[in-house]
Structures are given as C-alpha cells and as structure tokens.
Amino acid sequence: MTSDNSENNPVDPETGAQGEAAGESLPPLDSEDTGVVQEAESIVEEASATDQLAERTADLQRLQAEFTNYRRRVERDKQVIKETARASVITELIGILDDLDRARAHGDLESGPLRALADKLNTTLTGLGLTDFGNEGDDFDPALHEAVQHEGEGHDPVLGTVMRKGYKLGDRVLRTAMVAVTDRVGDKPADGSEQEAK
C-alpha cells in the first residue's frame, strides 16, 4: 500500500511534504490568472493551427506545381508522338511522289485523272508541312544534299543535276537530295578569288 500511497500523493520537492498537503500550499488561481492561462492556451492553439495551415498550403502548392509540370510533359510528349507519326507516314509516301515526278517528266500527268490525284496528293502533303529542296543551281549543303558525282575543282560548289529531290517536314530532313555537284559558273566567284588575281 505504500507504493500506491506514494503514487497518489506526490512529494513536493521544495518542502518535502507528501500528499495533498503539498498541493494545498499553492494559492488558488483567481479569475485574472485563469484568463491569462486561457489566453496563452488559445495563442498556442492558433499558432499550431497557423503552422498546420502553412504546411498544408505548401503541400497543395507543391502538388499543384507537380500536376502542372506533368500536364505540360504529357502535352509535349503527345506533340512529339504526333510529329513522329506524321513524319513516318509522309516518309513512306515520298516513294510515290518520286514515281509521280517521273510520270510528270515523261508527260503522263499533263491531263486526266492521274494528274488530279497527283495534284491533290501534293497539295495535301504541302499542307502538312512537307517541302522539297534540291533544285539545279542551289548552293551545295552537305547536310541537305548527297553528292554522288562531282565535276570541277570544288571551290564554289552548286547543284548540277538533281537525281532525286530531298524533302523536309518543318526543320526535319526526311530525305537528302541526291545530286551531282559542279562549280559555279559566273562572272564572280563567291570567295572573291577573282579580285586577288588582278
């Protein structure tokens, strides 16, 4: 019973008195002291609530930013997939364009339903952003042109014979042009070597 008695009646460290007598030595709280205690408790609760609100707000802002970034990434990925699919389909149609160009060169597309089909296909592909390049007389660009033959010294190369057109979709090269390269014929070379000779 002594252990139960000591648990129920704690010892006051200042006086050494045990039991309720130690608690009786404290003066009772008046209404003013009670108000101060309640005010302090409410301030602590408000501070805790404010901290929790700030923490929850930060969590929500972080989630919102993550979702916004996710949405942008998905849109960007969808656009890349769309462009890749478009380029893949158009690349497969380039062989048909080559056949139509050969038919046009032989005069088979001057009239009739095949001409209408060729014109419609060209209009549709141009509307999707397909452009051709590699015309005779254009400057040679190794990034755009595949030189299979070269005539001249190579000081100022231009396209001579175009054996196969090149195609671009926007800035993306779908196929390089197959060309024969020659030197520029004209009054003045592009590098100004004529003036040095004088």
N, C-alpha and C. Protein backbone atom coordinates (compact mmCIF):
# COMPACT_ATOMS: atom_id res chain seq x y z
N MET A 1 0.80 -1.19 0.00
CA MET A 1 0.00 0.00 0.00
C MET A 1 0.83 1.24 0.00
N THR A 2 2.01 1.15 0.47
CA THR A 2 2.85 2.33 0.48
C THR A 2 3.18 2.80 -0.92
N SER A 3 3.32 1.87 -1.86
CA SER A 3 3.62 2.29 -3.22
C SER A 3 2.42 2.99 -3.83
N ASP A 4 1.21 2.51 -3.54
CA ASP A 4 0.03 3.17 -4.04
C ASP A 4 -0.12 4.55 -3.42
N ASN A 5 0.23 4.66 -2.15
CA ASN A 5 0.13 5.91 -1.43
C ASN A 5 1.08 6.94 -2.01
N SER A 6 2.31 6.52 -2.40
CA SER A 6 3.28 7.47 -2.94
C SER A 6 2.91 7.91 -4.36
N GLU A 7 2.23 7.04 -5.10
CA GLU A 7 1.80 7.42 -6.45
C GLU A 7 0.69 8.44 -6.39
N ASN A 8 -0.24 8.26 -5.47
CA ASN A 8 -1.36 9.17 -5.37
C ASN A 8 -0.99 10.46 -4.68
N ASN A 9 0.00 10.42 -3.81
CA ASN A 9 0.41 11.60 -3.07
C ASN A 9 1.86 11.93 -3.40
N PRO A 10 2.10 12.71 -4.42
CA PRO A 10 3.47 13.03 -4.79
C PRO A 10 4.15 13.89 -3.74
N VAL A 11 5.49 13.85 -3.77
CA VAL A 11 6.30 14.60 -2.81
C VAL A 11 6.62 15.96 -3.41
N ASP A 12 6.43 17.00 -2.63
CA ASP A 12 6.79 18.35 -3.05
C ASP A 12 8.29 18.51 -2.90
N PRO A 13 9.04 18.85 -3.95
CA PRO A 13 10.49 18.91 -3.86
C PRO A 13 10.98 20.04 -2.96
N GLU A 14 10.27 21.11 -2.82
CA GLU A 14 10.74 22.23 -2.00
C GLU A 14 10.56 21.97 -0.51
N THR A 15 9.40 21.49 -0.14
CA THR A 15 9.11 21.31 1.28
C THR A 15 9.33 19.89 1.75
N GLY A 16 9.32 18.93 0.82
CA GLY A 16 9.47 17.54 1.20
C GLY A 16 8.17 16.96 1.72
N ALA A 17 7.10 17.73 1.74
CA ALA A 17 5.82 17.25 2.23
C ALA A 17 5.21 16.33 1.20
N GLN A 18 4.49 15.34 1.70
CA GLN A 18 3.90 14.36 0.82
C GLN A 18 2.40 14.52 0.85
N GLY A 19 1.80 14.22 -0.32
CA GLY A 19 0.36 14.14 -0.36
C GLY A 19 -0.29 15.43 -0.76
N GLU A 20 -1.53 15.52 -0.39
CA GLU A 20 -2.35 16.65 -0.77
C GLU A 20 -1.92 17.91 -0.05
N ALA A 21 -1.20 17.76 1.03
CA ALA A 21 -0.76 18.93 1.78
C ALA A 21 0.17 19.76 0.93
N ALA A 22 0.97 19.14 0.06
CA ALA A 22 1.87 19.88 -0.82
C ALA A 22 1.06 20.69 -1.82
N GLY A 23 -0.02 20.11 -2.35
CA GLY A 23 -0.87 20.82 -3.30
C GLY A 23 -1.64 21.92 -2.63
N GLU A 24 -1.90 21.80 -1.34
CA GLU A 24 -2.67 22.81 -0.64
C GLU A 24 -1.85 24.05 -0.40
N SER A 25 -0.54 23.95 -0.45
CA SER A 25 0.29 25.11 -0.16
C SER A 25 0.25 26.13 -1.30
N LEU A 26 -0.16 25.73 -2.53
CA LEU A 26 -0.25 26.67 -3.64
C LEU A 26 -1.49 27.53 -3.49
N PRO A 27 -1.36 28.81 -3.76
CA PRO A 27 -2.55 29.66 -3.64
C PRO A 27 -3.50 29.36 -4.79
N PRO A 28 -4.78 29.51 -4.57
CA PRO A 28 -5.75 29.25 -5.63
C PRO A 28 -5.65 30.34 -6.71
N LEU A 29 -5.97 29.92 -7.95
CA LEU A 29 -5.94 30.87 -9.08
C LEU A 29 -7.17 31.76 -9.03
N ASP A 30 -6.96 33.03 -9.23
CA ASP A 30 -8.11 33.91 -9.29
C ASP A 30 -8.57 34.01 -10.75
N SER A 31 -9.62 34.74 -11.01
CA SER A 31 -10.20 34.82 -12.35
C SER A 31 -9.25 35.50 -13.34
N GLU A 32 -8.44 36.41 -12.88
CA GLU A 32 -7.48 37.09 -13.76
C GLU A 32 -6.41 36.11 -14.24
N ASP A 33 -5.91 35.29 -13.32
CA ASP A 33 -4.90 34.29 -13.68
C ASP A 33 -5.48 33.25 -14.63
N THR A 34 -6.71 32.88 -14.40
CA THR A 34 -7.37 31.91 -15.27
C THR A 34 -7.50 32.47 -16.68
N GLY A 35 -7.84 33.74 -16.80
CA GLY A 35 -7.96 34.39 -18.11
C GLY A 35 -6.63 34.42 -18.85
N VAL A 36 -5.55 34.68 -18.13
CA VAL A 36 -4.22 34.71 -18.75
C VAL A 36 -3.85 33.32 -19.25
N VAL A 37 -4.14 32.31 -18.45
CA VAL A 37 -3.83 30.93 -18.84
C VAL A 37 -4.64 30.54 -20.08
N GLN A 38 -5.91 30.89 -20.09
CA GLN A 38 -6.75 30.57 -21.24
C GLN A 38 -6.28 31.31 -22.49
N GLU A 39 -5.88 32.56 -22.32
CA GLU A 39 -5.38 33.34 -23.45
C GLU A 39 -4.10 32.73 -24.00
N ALA A 40 -3.21 32.30 -23.13
CA ALA A 40 -1.97 31.66 -23.56
C ALA A 40 -2.26 30.36 -24.30
N GLU A 41 -3.22 29.59 -23.79
CA GLU A 41 -3.58 28.34 -24.46
C GLU A 41 -4.16 28.62 -25.84
N SER A 42 -5.00 29.65 -25.98
CA SER A 42 -5.59 29.96 -27.28
C SER A 42 -4.52 30.45 -28.26
N ILE A 43 -3.53 31.21 -27.77
CA ILE A 43 -2.43 31.66 -28.64
C ILE A 43 -1.63 30.47 -29.15
N VAL A 44 -1.37 29.52 -28.27
CA VAL A 44 -0.63 28.31 -28.67
C VAL A 44 -1.43 27.53 -29.70
N GLU A 45 -2.75 27.40 -29.49
CA GLU A 45 -3.60 26.68 -30.44
C GLU A 45 -3.64 27.40 -31.79
N GLU A 46 -3.74 28.73 -31.78
CA GLU A 46 -3.75 29.50 -33.03
C GLU A 46 -2.42 29.34 -33.77
N ALA A 47 -1.32 29.39 -33.04
CA ALA A 47 0.00 29.22 -33.67
C ALA A 47 0.12 27.84 -34.28
N SER A 48 -0.38 26.85 -33.58
CA SER A 48 -0.34 25.48 -34.09
C SER A 48 -1.21 25.37 -35.34
N ALA A 49 -2.40 25.97 -35.30
CA ALA A 49 -3.29 25.94 -36.46
C ALA A 49 -2.67 26.69 -37.64
N THR A 50 -2.03 27.82 -37.36
CA THR A 50 -1.37 28.60 -38.42
C THR A 50 -0.24 27.79 -39.05
N ASP A 51 0.55 27.11 -38.22
CA ASP A 51 1.63 26.27 -38.74
C ASP A 51 1.08 25.14 -39.61
N GLN A 52 0.01 24.52 -39.14
CA GLN A 52 -0.60 23.43 -39.91
C GLN A 52 -1.16 23.95 -41.23
N LEU A 53 -1.79 25.12 -41.18
CA LEU A 53 -2.33 25.72 -42.40
C LEU A 53 -1.22 26.03 -43.39
N ALA A 54 -0.12 26.60 -42.91
CA ALA A 54 1.01 26.91 -43.79
C ALA A 54 1.59 25.64 -44.39
N GLU A 55 1.68 24.59 -43.58
CA GLU A 55 2.21 23.32 -44.07
C GLU A 55 1.30 22.72 -45.13
N ARG A 56 0.00 22.73 -44.88
CA ARG A 56 -0.96 22.19 -45.85
C ARG A 56 -0.96 23.03 -47.14
N THR A 57 -0.88 24.35 -46.99
CA THR A 57 -0.82 25.22 -48.17
C THR A 57 0.41 24.93 -49.00
N ALA A 58 1.55 24.75 -48.36
CA ALA A 58 2.79 24.42 -49.08
C ALA A 58 2.65 23.07 -49.79
N ASP A 59 2.03 22.10 -49.13
CA ASP A 59 1.81 20.79 -49.75
C ASP A 59 0.93 20.92 -50.99
N LEU A 60 -0.15 21.70 -50.87
CA LEU A 60 -1.05 21.89 -52.01
C LEU A 60 -0.35 22.61 -53.16
N GLN A 61 0.44 23.62 -52.84
CA GLN A 61 1.17 24.33 -53.90
C GLN A 61 2.16 23.41 -54.59
N ARG A 62 2.83 22.57 -53.82
CA ARG A 62 3.78 21.61 -54.39
C ARG A 62 3.05 20.62 -55.31
N LEU A 63 1.91 20.11 -54.86
CA LEU A 63 1.12 19.19 -55.68
C LEU A 63 0.62 19.86 -56.95
N GLN A 64 0.19 21.11 -56.82
CA GLN A 64 -0.29 21.83 -57.99
C GLN A 64 0.84 22.03 -59.00
N ALA A 65 2.03 22.37 -58.54
CA ALA A 65 3.17 22.54 -59.44
C ALA A 65 3.54 21.22 -60.11
N GLU A 66 3.52 20.13 -59.34
CA GLU A 66 3.82 18.82 -59.92
C GLU A 66 2.80 18.45 -60.99
N PHE A 67 1.53 18.72 -60.73
CA PHE A 67 0.49 18.40 -61.70
C PHE A 67 0.63 19.26 -62.96
N THR A 68 0.94 20.54 -62.78
CA THR A 68 1.13 21.42 -63.93
C THR A 68 2.30 20.93 -64.78
N ASN A 69 3.40 20.56 -64.14
CA ASN A 69 4.55 20.04 -64.88
C ASN A 69 4.21 18.72 -65.58
N TYR A 70 3.45 17.87 -64.91
CA TYR A 70 3.03 16.61 -65.52
C TYR A 70 2.18 16.88 -66.75
N ARG A 71 1.24 17.81 -66.65
CA ARG A 71 0.37 18.13 -67.78
C ARG A 71 1.18 18.68 -68.95
N ARG A 72 2.14 19.54 -68.68
CA ARG A 72 3.00 20.07 -69.75
C ARG A 72 3.81 18.96 -70.41
N ARG A 73 4.35 18.07 -69.58
CA ARG A 73 5.16 16.98 -70.11
C ARG A 73 4.31 16.06 -71.00
N VAL A 74 3.08 15.77 -70.58
CA VAL A 74 2.19 14.92 -71.37
C VAL A 74 1.85 15.60 -72.69
N GLU A 75 1.56 16.89 -72.66
CA GLU A 75 1.27 17.62 -73.90
C GLU A 75 2.47 17.62 -74.84
N ARG A 76 3.66 17.83 -74.28
CA ARG A 76 4.88 17.82 -75.09
C ARG A 76 5.11 16.43 -75.69
N ASP A 77 4.90 15.38 -74.90
CA ASP A 77 5.06 14.02 -75.39
C ASP A 77 4.05 13.69 -76.48
N LYS A 78 2.81 14.16 -76.30
CA LYS A 78 1.79 13.94 -77.33
C LYS A 78 2.18 14.63 -78.63
N GLN A 79 2.72 15.83 -78.53
CA GLN A 79 3.13 16.56 -79.72
C GLN A 79 4.27 15.84 -80.43
N VAL A 80 5.23 15.33 -79.66
CA VAL A 80 6.36 14.60 -80.26
C VAL A 80 5.87 13.34 -80.95
N ILE A 81 4.95 12.62 -80.33
CA ILE A 81 4.40 11.40 -80.93
C ILE A 81 3.65 11.74 -82.22
N LYS A 82 2.90 12.81 -82.18
CA LYS A 82 2.14 13.24 -83.36
C LYS A 82 3.08 13.59 -84.50
N GLU A 83 4.13 14.36 -84.21
CA GLU A 83 5.10 14.74 -85.24
C GLU A 83 5.84 13.52 -85.79
N THR A 84 6.20 12.60 -84.91
CA THR A 84 6.90 11.39 -85.35
C THR A 84 6.01 10.53 -86.24
N ALA A 85 4.75 10.39 -85.88
CA ALA A 85 3.82 9.61 -86.70
C ALA A 85 3.60 10.27 -88.06
N ARG A 86 3.45 11.59 -88.06
CA ARG A 86 3.27 12.32 -89.31
C ARG A 86 4.50 12.14 -90.21
N ALA A 87 5.68 12.28 -89.64
CA ALA A 87 6.91 12.12 -90.42
C ALA A 87 7.04 10.70 -90.96
N SER A 88 6.65 9.72 -90.17
CA SER A 88 6.74 8.33 -90.61
C SER A 88 5.83 8.06 -91.80
N VAL A 89 4.60 8.54 -91.74
CA VAL A 89 3.66 8.33 -92.85
C VAL A 89 4.14 9.07 -94.09
N ILE A 90 4.56 10.31 -93.93
CA ILE A 90 5.00 11.09 -95.09
C ILE A 90 6.25 10.48 -95.70
N THR A 91 7.15 9.95 -94.87
CA THR A 91 8.36 9.31 -95.40
C THR A 91 7.98 8.13 -96.29
N GLU A 92 6.96 7.39 -95.92
CA GLU A 92 6.51 6.27 -96.75
C GLU A 92 5.91 6.76 -98.07
N LEU A 93 5.32 7.94 -98.08
CA LEU A 93 4.69 8.48 -99.30
C LEU A 93 5.70 9.13 -100.24
N ILE A 94 6.91 9.35 -99.80
CA ILE A 94 7.91 10.01 -100.65
C ILE A 94 8.21 9.17 -101.90
N GLY A 95 8.21 7.86 -101.78
CA GLY A 95 8.42 7.00 -102.95
C GLY A 95 7.34 7.21 -104.00
N ILE A 96 6.10 7.42 -103.56
CA ILE A 96 5.01 7.68 -104.50
C ILE A 96 5.23 9.03 -105.17
N LEU A 97 5.70 10.02 -104.42
CA LEU A 97 5.99 11.33 -105.02
C LEU A 97 7.08 11.20 -106.09
N ASP A 98 8.08 10.36 -105.83
CA ASP A 98 9.13 10.13 -106.84
C ASP A 98 8.54 9.55 -108.11
N ASP A 99 7.65 8.57 -107.97
CA ASP A 99 7.00 7.96 -109.14
C ASP A 99 6.18 9.00 -109.89
N LEU A 100 5.46 9.85 -109.16
CA LEU A 100 4.66 10.89 -109.81
C LEU A 100 5.55 11.91 -110.51
N ASP A 101 6.71 12.24 -109.94
CA ASP A 101 7.64 13.17 -110.60
C ASP A 101 8.17 12.57 -111.90
N ARG A 102 8.49 11.27 -111.89
CA ARG A 102 8.96 10.62 -113.12
C ARG A 102 7.85 10.59 -114.17
N ALA A 103 6.62 10.34 -113.74
CA ALA A 103 5.49 10.34 -114.68
C ALA A 103 5.28 11.74 -115.24
N ARG A 104 5.44 12.76 -114.42
CA ARG A 104 5.30 14.15 -114.89
C ARG A 104 6.40 14.48 -115.90
N ALA A 105 7.63 14.01 -115.65
CA ALA A 105 8.74 14.27 -116.56
C ALA A 105 8.51 13.61 -117.92
N HIS A 106 7.81 12.48 -117.95
CA HIS A 106 7.54 11.79 -119.21
C HIS A 106 6.26 12.27 -119.87
N GLY A 107 5.56 13.20 -119.27
CA GLY A 107 4.36 13.77 -119.86
C GLY A 107 3.09 12.99 -119.55
N ASP A 108 3.14 12.06 -118.63
CA ASP A 108 1.96 11.25 -118.31
C ASP A 108 0.97 11.98 -117.42
N LEU A 109 1.36 13.10 -116.83
CA LEU A 109 0.47 13.82 -115.92
C LEU A 109 -0.03 15.14 -116.50
N GLU A 110 -0.01 15.27 -117.82
CA GLU A 110 -0.45 16.53 -118.41
C GLU A 110 -1.96 16.70 -118.30
N SER A 111 -2.71 15.63 -118.30
CA SER A 111 -4.16 15.71 -118.15
C SER A 111 -4.68 14.37 -117.64
N GLY A 112 -5.95 14.38 -117.29
CA GLY A 112 -6.58 13.14 -116.87
C GLY A 112 -6.67 12.99 -115.37
N PRO A 113 -7.25 11.87 -114.95
CA PRO A 113 -7.48 11.65 -113.52
C PRO A 113 -6.20 11.46 -112.71
N LEU A 114 -5.16 10.92 -113.33
CA LEU A 114 -3.90 10.74 -112.60
C LEU A 114 -3.28 12.09 -112.22
N ARG A 115 -3.45 13.08 -113.09
CA ARG A 115 -2.95 14.42 -112.77
C ARG A 115 -3.70 15.00 -111.57
N ALA A 116 -5.01 14.82 -111.55
CA ALA A 116 -5.81 15.33 -110.43
C ALA A 116 -5.39 14.66 -109.12
N LEU A 117 -5.14 13.36 -109.18
CA LEU A 117 -4.69 12.64 -107.99
C LEU A 117 -3.32 13.13 -107.53
N ALA A 118 -2.40 13.32 -108.48
CA ALA A 118 -1.05 13.81 -108.14
C ALA A 118 -1.11 15.21 -107.54
N ASP A 119 -1.93 16.07 -108.13
CA ASP A 119 -2.05 17.44 -107.61
C ASP A 119 -2.65 17.44 -106.20
N LYS A 120 -3.65 16.60 -105.98
CA LYS A 120 -4.29 16.54 -104.67
C LYS A 120 -3.32 16.01 -103.61
N LEU A 121 -2.54 14.99 -103.96
CA LEU A 121 -1.56 14.44 -103.03
C LEU A 121 -0.50 15.49 -102.70
N ASN A 122 0.00 16.19 -103.72
CA ASN A 122 1.00 17.24 -103.48
C ASN A 122 0.43 18.36 -102.60
N THR A 123 -0.80 18.76 -102.85
CA THR A 123 -1.43 19.82 -102.06
C THR A 123 -1.61 19.38 -100.61
N THR A 124 -2.04 18.15 -100.41
CA THR A 124 -2.24 17.64 -99.05
C THR A 124 -0.93 17.58 -98.28
N LEU A 125 0.11 17.04 -98.91
CA LEU A 125 1.40 16.91 -98.23
C LEU A 125 2.03 18.27 -97.97
N THR A 126 1.85 19.20 -98.89
CA THR A 126 2.35 20.56 -98.66
C THR A 126 1.61 21.20 -97.49
N GLY A 127 0.31 20.95 -97.39
CA GLY A 127 -0.47 21.46 -96.27
C GLY A 127 -0.02 20.89 -94.93
N LEU A 128 0.52 19.69 -94.94
CA LEU A 128 1.03 19.08 -93.71
C LEU A 128 2.43 19.58 -93.36
N GLY A 129 3.02 20.38 -94.24
CA GLY A 129 4.33 20.96 -93.94
C GLY A 129 5.49 20.37 -94.71
N LEU A 130 5.22 19.51 -95.70
CA LEU A 130 6.29 18.90 -96.49
C LEU A 130 6.77 19.89 -97.55
N THR A 131 8.07 20.08 -97.62
CA THR A 131 8.67 20.92 -98.66
C THR A 131 9.79 20.14 -99.33
N ASP A 132 9.94 20.39 -100.63
CA ASP A 132 11.03 19.73 -101.34
C ASP A 132 12.17 20.72 -101.52
N PHE A 133 13.37 20.20 -101.72
CA PHE A 133 14.54 21.04 -101.96
C PHE A 133 15.48 20.29 -102.87
N GLY A 134 16.46 21.03 -103.39
CA GLY A 134 17.44 20.43 -104.27
C GLY A 134 17.16 20.77 -105.72
N ASN A 135 17.19 22.04 -106.07
CA ASN A 135 16.99 22.47 -107.45
C ASN A 135 18.34 22.81 -108.07
N GLU A 136 18.45 22.63 -109.36
CA GLU A 136 19.71 22.94 -110.05
C GLU A 136 20.07 24.40 -109.82
N GLY A 137 21.35 24.63 -109.51
CA GLY A 137 21.84 25.97 -109.27
C GLY A 137 21.87 26.37 -107.80
N ASP A 138 21.21 25.61 -106.93
CA ASP A 138 21.25 25.90 -105.49
C ASP A 138 22.65 25.63 -104.96
N ASP A 139 23.02 26.32 -103.88
CA ASP A 139 24.30 26.05 -103.23
C ASP A 139 24.29 24.65 -102.63
N PHE A 140 25.44 24.00 -102.69
CA PHE A 140 25.57 22.65 -102.13
C PHE A 140 25.70 22.74 -100.61
N ASP A 141 24.90 21.96 -99.93
CA ASP A 141 24.94 21.88 -98.46
C ASP A 141 25.02 20.40 -98.10
N PRO A 142 26.14 19.95 -97.53
CA PRO A 142 26.28 18.52 -97.24
C PRO A 142 25.25 17.99 -96.24
N ALA A 143 24.63 18.87 -95.47
CA ALA A 143 23.59 18.42 -94.54
C ALA A 143 22.28 18.12 -95.26
N LEU A 144 22.10 18.71 -96.44
CA LEU A 144 20.86 18.54 -97.18
C LEU A 144 21.02 17.73 -98.46
N HIS A 145 22.23 17.70 -98.99
CA HIS A 145 22.45 17.08 -100.30
C HIS A 145 23.46 15.94 -100.21
N GLU A 146 23.17 14.89 -100.94
CA GLU A 146 24.08 13.75 -101.04
C GLU A 146 24.73 13.82 -102.42
N ALA A 147 26.02 14.16 -102.44
CA ALA A 147 26.73 14.30 -103.71
C ALA A 147 27.19 12.92 -104.18
N VAL A 148 26.71 12.50 -105.35
CA VAL A 148 27.13 11.21 -105.89
C VAL A 148 28.10 11.40 -107.06
N GLN A 149 28.24 12.64 -107.50
CA GLN A 149 29.15 12.94 -108.60
C GLN A 149 29.63 14.37 -108.41
N HIS A 150 30.91 14.61 -108.74
CA HIS A 150 31.46 15.96 -108.59
C HIS A 150 32.28 16.31 -109.82
N GLU A 151 31.97 17.43 -110.42
CA GLU A 151 32.71 17.93 -111.57
C GLU A 151 33.28 19.29 -111.21
N GLY A 152 34.54 19.50 -111.48
CA GLY A 152 35.18 20.78 -111.20
C GLY A 152 36.14 20.66 -110.03
N GLU A 153 36.63 21.82 -109.60
CA GLU A 153 37.63 21.87 -108.55
C GLU A 153 37.02 21.92 -107.14
N GLY A 154 35.78 22.26 -107.03
CA GLY A 154 35.11 22.27 -105.73
C GLY A 154 35.28 23.55 -104.94
N HIS A 155 35.67 24.66 -105.62
CA HIS A 155 35.84 25.93 -104.91
C HIS A 155 34.50 26.54 -104.51
N ASP A 156 33.54 26.50 -105.40
CA ASP A 156 32.23 27.09 -105.14
C ASP A 156 31.16 26.12 -105.64
N PRO A 157 30.90 25.05 -104.89
CA PRO A 157 30.01 24.00 -105.41
C PRO A 157 28.54 24.41 -105.40
N VAL A 158 27.89 24.07 -106.51
CA VAL A 158 26.45 24.24 -106.64
C VAL A 158 25.87 22.94 -107.18
N LEU A 159 24.56 22.84 -107.11
CA LEU A 159 23.91 21.63 -107.60
C LEU A 159 23.85 21.67 -109.11
N GLY A 160 24.29 20.57 -109.72
CA GLY A 160 24.18 20.43 -111.17
C GLY A 160 22.91 19.65 -111.48
N THR A 161 23.07 18.38 -111.71
CA THR A 161 21.92 17.51 -111.98
C THR A 161 21.33 17.01 -110.67
N VAL A 162 20.01 17.10 -110.57
CA VAL A 162 19.31 16.58 -109.39
C VAL A 162 18.73 15.22 -109.78
N MET A 163 19.26 14.18 -109.16
CA MET A 163 18.79 12.83 -109.48
C MET A 163 17.58 12.43 -108.63
N ARG A 164 17.50 13.00 -107.44
CA ARG A 164 16.39 12.69 -106.55
C ARG A 164 16.20 13.90 -105.62
N LYS A 165 14.97 14.39 -105.56
CA LYS A 165 14.67 15.53 -104.69
C LYS A 165 14.82 15.15 -103.22
N GLY A 166 15.11 16.16 -102.42
CA GLY A 166 15.11 15.98 -100.97
C GLY A 166 13.83 16.54 -100.40
N TYR A 167 13.47 16.07 -99.20
CA TYR A 167 12.24 16.53 -98.57
C TYR A 167 12.47 16.85 -97.10
N LYS A 168 11.79 17.92 -96.66
CA LYS A 168 11.84 18.34 -95.26
C LYS A 168 10.41 18.45 -94.74
N LEU A 169 10.26 18.14 -93.47
CA LEU A 169 9.00 18.35 -92.78
C LEU A 169 9.30 19.35 -91.67
N GLY A 170 8.94 20.60 -91.90
CA GLY A 170 9.35 21.66 -90.98
C GLY A 170 10.85 21.83 -91.08
N ASP A 171 11.56 21.68 -89.97
CA ASP A 171 13.02 21.77 -89.97
C ASP A 171 13.68 20.40 -90.07
N ARG A 172 12.90 19.36 -90.03
CA ARG A 172 13.42 17.99 -90.02
C ARG A 172 13.61 17.48 -91.44
N VAL A 173 14.82 17.03 -91.76
CA VAL A 173 15.11 16.48 -93.08
C VAL A 173 14.64 15.03 -93.11
N LEU A 174 13.68 14.74 -94.01
CA LEU A 174 13.19 13.37 -94.14
C LEU A 174 14.06 12.56 -95.09
N ARG A 175 14.54 13.24 -96.15
CA ARG A 175 15.42 12.56 -97.10
C ARG A 175 16.31 13.61 -97.76
N THR A 176 17.59 13.30 -97.85
CA THR A 176 18.51 14.22 -98.52
C THR A 176 18.33 14.11 -100.03
N ALA A 177 18.70 15.17 -100.73
CA ALA A 177 18.62 15.17 -102.19
C ALA A 177 19.87 14.50 -102.74
N MET A 178 19.69 13.67 -103.76
CA MET A 178 20.82 13.02 -104.43
C MET A 178 21.17 13.87 -105.65
N VAL A 179 22.40 14.40 -105.67
CA VAL A 179 22.75 15.39 -106.69
C VAL A 179 24.14 15.15 -107.25
N ALA A 180 24.36 15.77 -108.42
CA ALA A 180 25.71 15.90 -108.97
C ALA A 180 26.13 17.34 -108.71
N VAL A 181 27.35 17.53 -108.25
CA VAL A 181 27.84 18.85 -107.85
C VAL A 181 28.81 19.36 -108.91
N THR A 182 28.67 20.65 -109.25
CA THR A 182 29.58 21.31 -110.17
C THR A 182 30.04 22.61 -109.55
N ASP A 183 31.03 23.24 -110.19
CA ASP A 183 31.47 24.56 -109.74
C ASP A 183 30.54 25.62 -110.31
N ARG A 184 30.40 26.72 -109.56
CA ARG A 184 29.55 27.81 -110.01
C ARG A 184 30.14 28.44 -111.26
N VAL A 185 29.28 28.67 -112.23
CA VAL A 185 29.70 29.33 -113.46
C VAL A 185 29.14 30.74 -113.40
N GLY A 186 30.02 31.73 -113.56
CA GLY A 186 29.54 33.10 -113.50
C GLY A 186 30.69 34.08 -113.56
N ASP A 187 30.35 35.36 -113.47
CA ASP A 187 31.35 36.42 -113.56
C ASP A 187 32.24 36.48 -112.33
N LYS A 188 31.66 36.26 -111.16
CA LYS A 188 32.42 36.49 -109.94
C LYS A 188 32.26 35.30 -108.99
N PRO A 189 33.35 34.65 -108.61
CA PRO A 189 33.26 33.58 -107.62
C PRO A 189 32.84 34.14 -106.26
N ALA A 190 32.22 33.32 -105.48
CA ALA A 190 31.69 33.76 -104.19
C ALA A 190 32.80 34.08 -103.20
N ASP A 191 33.98 33.46 -103.33
CA ASP A 191 35.04 33.69 -102.33
C ASP A 191 35.92 34.89 -102.65
N GLY A 192 35.70 35.57 -103.79
CA GLY A 192 36.45 36.78 -104.13
C GLY A 192 37.83 36.50 -104.69
N SER A 193 38.09 35.29 -105.18
CA SER A 193 39.43 34.96 -105.69
C SER A 193 39.74 35.70 -106.99
N GLU A 194 38.73 36.16 -107.72
CA GLU A 194 38.96 36.89 -108.96
C GLU A 194 39.65 38.22 -108.69
N GLN A 195 39.26 38.89 -107.61
CA GLN A 195 39.87 40.17 -107.27
C GLN A 195 41.31 39.99 -106.85
N GLU A 196 41.63 38.89 -106.21
CA GLU A 196 43.01 38.64 -105.78
C GLU A 196 43.91 38.41 -106.99
N ALA A 197 43.36 37.85 -108.07
CA ALA A 197 44.16 37.56 -109.27
C ALA A 197 44.56 38.84 -109.98
N LYS A 198 43.79 39.91 -109.84
CA LYS A 198 44.09 41.17 -110.53
C LYS A 198 45.22 41.86 -109.94
